[in-house]
Amino acid sequence: MKKSVFYHAGCPVCISAEHDIITLIGQDNVEIVHLGNNKERIEEAEKVGLKSVPALVTPTGNVLHINFGASMEEVKG
């Protein structure tokens, strides 16, 4: 089974959402991508449809924007 991918930028909103996502779906079912530390994955995140972080991309490719921490423009900063 393909994992969900949770993208975030490390802000307090993102970190809180990361903890909740892990609690809800389990550490083994989600890949955590901190775009502030992994800038090389920003293009990937935009290609799958991220407009802001935090966001969860499901195994079927649905993008679930969670709350609002930062726009992708802010992440690219």
C-alpha atoms as a PDB file:
ATOM      1  CA  MET A   1       0.000   0.000   0.000  1.00  0.00           C
ATOM      2  CA  LYS A   2       1.259   3.440  -0.917  1.00  0.00           C
ATOM      3  CA  LYS A   3       1.688   5.876   1.981  1.00  0.00           C
ATOM      4  CA  SER A   4       0.091   9.254   2.415  1.00  0.00           C
ATOM      5  CA  VAL A   5       2.539  12.171   2.346  1.00  0.00           C
ATOM      6  CA  PHE A   6       2.261  15.020   4.852  1.00  0.00           C
ATOM      7  CA  TYR A   7       4.016  18.207   3.733  1.00  0.00           C
ATOM      8  CA  HIS A   8       4.756  21.040   6.139  1.00  0.00           C
ATOM      9  CA  ALA A   9       7.138  23.932   6.728  1.00  0.00           C
ATOM     10  CA  GLY A  10       7.889  23.574  10.434  1.00  0.00           C
ATOM     11  CA  CYS A  11       5.655  26.341  11.799  1.00  0.00           C
ATOM     12  CA  PRO A  12       3.656  25.722  15.007  1.00  0.00           C
ATOM     13  CA  VAL A  13       0.442  25.082  13.002  1.00  0.00           C
ATOM     14  CA  CYS A  14       2.304  22.516  10.873  1.00  0.00           C
ATOM     15  CA  ILE A  15       3.925  20.738  13.816  1.00  0.00           C
ATOM     16  CA  SER A  16       0.583  20.463  15.609  1.00  0.00           C
ATOM     17  CA  ALA A  17      -1.043  19.050  12.473  1.00  0.00           C
ATOM     18  CA  GLU A  18       1.863  16.598  12.029  1.00  0.00           C
ATOM     19  CA  HIS A  19       1.289  15.183  15.510  1.00  0.00           C
ATOM     20  CA  ASP A  20      -2.447  14.854  14.859  1.00  0.00           C
ATOM     21  CA  ILE A  21      -1.923  13.154  11.479  1.00  0.00           C
ATOM     22  CA  ILE A  22       0.481  10.635  13.001  1.00  0.00           C
ATOM     23  CA  THR A  23      -1.991   9.945  15.814  1.00  0.00           C
ATOM     24  CA  LEU A  24      -4.870   9.513  13.349  1.00  0.00           C
ATOM     25  CA  ILE A  25      -3.291   7.371  10.648  1.00  0.00           C
ATOM     26  CA  GLY A  26      -0.106   6.028  12.239  1.00  0.00           C
ATOM     27  CA  GLN A  27       3.589   6.724  11.690  1.00  0.00           C
ATOM     28  CA  ASP A  28       3.939   3.723   9.360  1.00  0.00           C
ATOM     29  CA  ASN A  29       1.204   5.022   7.032  1.00  0.00           C
ATOM     30  CA  VAL A  30       2.538   8.513   6.377  1.00  0.00           C
ATOM     31  CA  GLU A  31       5.744  10.031   5.055  1.00  0.00           C
ATOM     32  CA  ILE A  32       6.542  13.371   6.704  1.00  0.00           C
ATOM     33  CA  VAL A  33       8.172  15.979   4.451  1.00  0.00           C
ATOM     34  CA  HIS A  34       9.453  19.175   6.093  1.00  0.00           C
ATOM     35  CA  LEU A  35       9.789  21.531   3.122  1.00  0.00           C
ATOM     36  CA  GLY A  36      11.879  23.982   5.120  1.00  0.00           C
ATOM     37  CA  ASN A  37      14.526  21.280   5.527  1.00  0.00           C
ATOM     38  CA  ASN A  38      13.908  19.578   2.168  1.00  0.00           C
ATOM     39  CA  LYS A  39      13.607  22.442  -0.308  1.00  0.00           C
ATOM     40  CA  GLU A  40      14.402  20.059  -3.165  1.00  0.00           C
ATOM     41  CA  ARG A  41      10.913  18.584  -2.672  1.00  0.00           C
ATOM     42  CA  ILE A  42       9.032  21.878  -3.123  1.00  0.00           C
ATOM     43  CA  GLU A  43       8.617  21.313  -6.863  1.00  0.00           C
ATOM     44  CA  GLU A  44       7.247  17.821  -6.176  1.00  0.00           C
ATOM     45  CA  ALA A  45       4.753  19.271  -3.690  1.00  0.00           C
ATOM     46  CA  GLU A  46       3.556  21.868  -6.183  1.00  0.00           C
ATOM     47  CA  LYS A  47       3.200  19.247  -8.930  1.00  0.00           C
ATOM     48  CA  VAL A  48       0.849  17.157  -6.794  1.00  0.00           C
ATOM     49  CA  GLY A  49      -1.300  20.231  -6.140  1.00  0.00           C
ATOM     50  CA  LEU A  50      -0.205  21.840  -2.871  1.00  0.00           C
ATOM     51  CA  LYS A  51      -1.257  25.464  -2.532  1.00  0.00           C
ATOM     52  CA  SER A  52      -0.340  25.793   1.143  1.00  0.00           C
ATOM     53  CA  VAL A  53       1.036  23.824   4.046  1.00  0.00           C
ATOM     54  CA  PRO A  54       0.282  21.858   6.092  1.00  0.00           C
ATOM     55  CA  ALA A  55      -1.279  19.453   3.612  1.00  0.00           C
ATOM     56  CA  LEU A  56      -1.783  15.727   3.348  1.00  0.00           C
ATOM     57  CA  VAL A  57      -1.657  13.924   0.010  1.00  0.00           C
ATOM     58  CA  THR A  58      -3.571  10.656   0.142  1.00  0.00           C
ATOM     59  CA  PRO A  59      -2.436   7.468  -1.623  1.00  0.00           C
ATOM     60  CA  THR A  60      -5.047   8.176  -4.324  1.00  0.00           C
ATOM     61  CA  GLY A  61      -3.580  11.633  -4.962  1.00  0.00           C
ATOM     62  CA  ASN A  62      -6.161  13.776  -3.193  1.00  0.00           C
ATOM     63  CA  VAL A  63      -4.656  16.890  -1.592  1.00  0.00           C
ATOM     64  CA  LEU A  64      -6.135  17.753   1.794  1.00  0.00           C
ATOM     65  CA  HIS A  65      -5.123  21.256   2.854  1.00  0.00           C
ATOM     66  CA  ILE A  66      -5.193  21.391   6.643  1.00  0.00           C
ATOM     67  CA  ASN A  67      -5.730  24.719   8.369  1.00  0.00           C
ATOM     68  CA  PHE A  68      -3.383  27.355   6.957  1.00  0.00           C
ATOM     69  CA  GLY A  69       0.222  27.705   7.982  1.00  0.00           C
ATOM     70  CA  ALA A  70       1.927  29.173   4.905  1.00  0.00           C
ATOM     71  CA  SER A  71       1.375  29.512   1.184  1.00  0.00           C
ATOM     72  CA  MET A  72       3.762  27.710  -1.164  1.00  0.00           C
ATOM     73  CA  GLU A  73       5.109  31.147  -2.156  1.00  0.00           C
ATOM     74  CA  GLU A  74       6.046  31.745   1.481  1.00  0.00           C
ATOM     75  CA  VAL A  75       7.650  28.304   1.701  1.00  0.00           C
ATOM     76  CA  LYS A  76       9.767  29.041  -1.402  1.00  0.00           C
ATOM     77  CA  GLY A  77      10.631  32.430   0.181  1.00  0.00           C
END
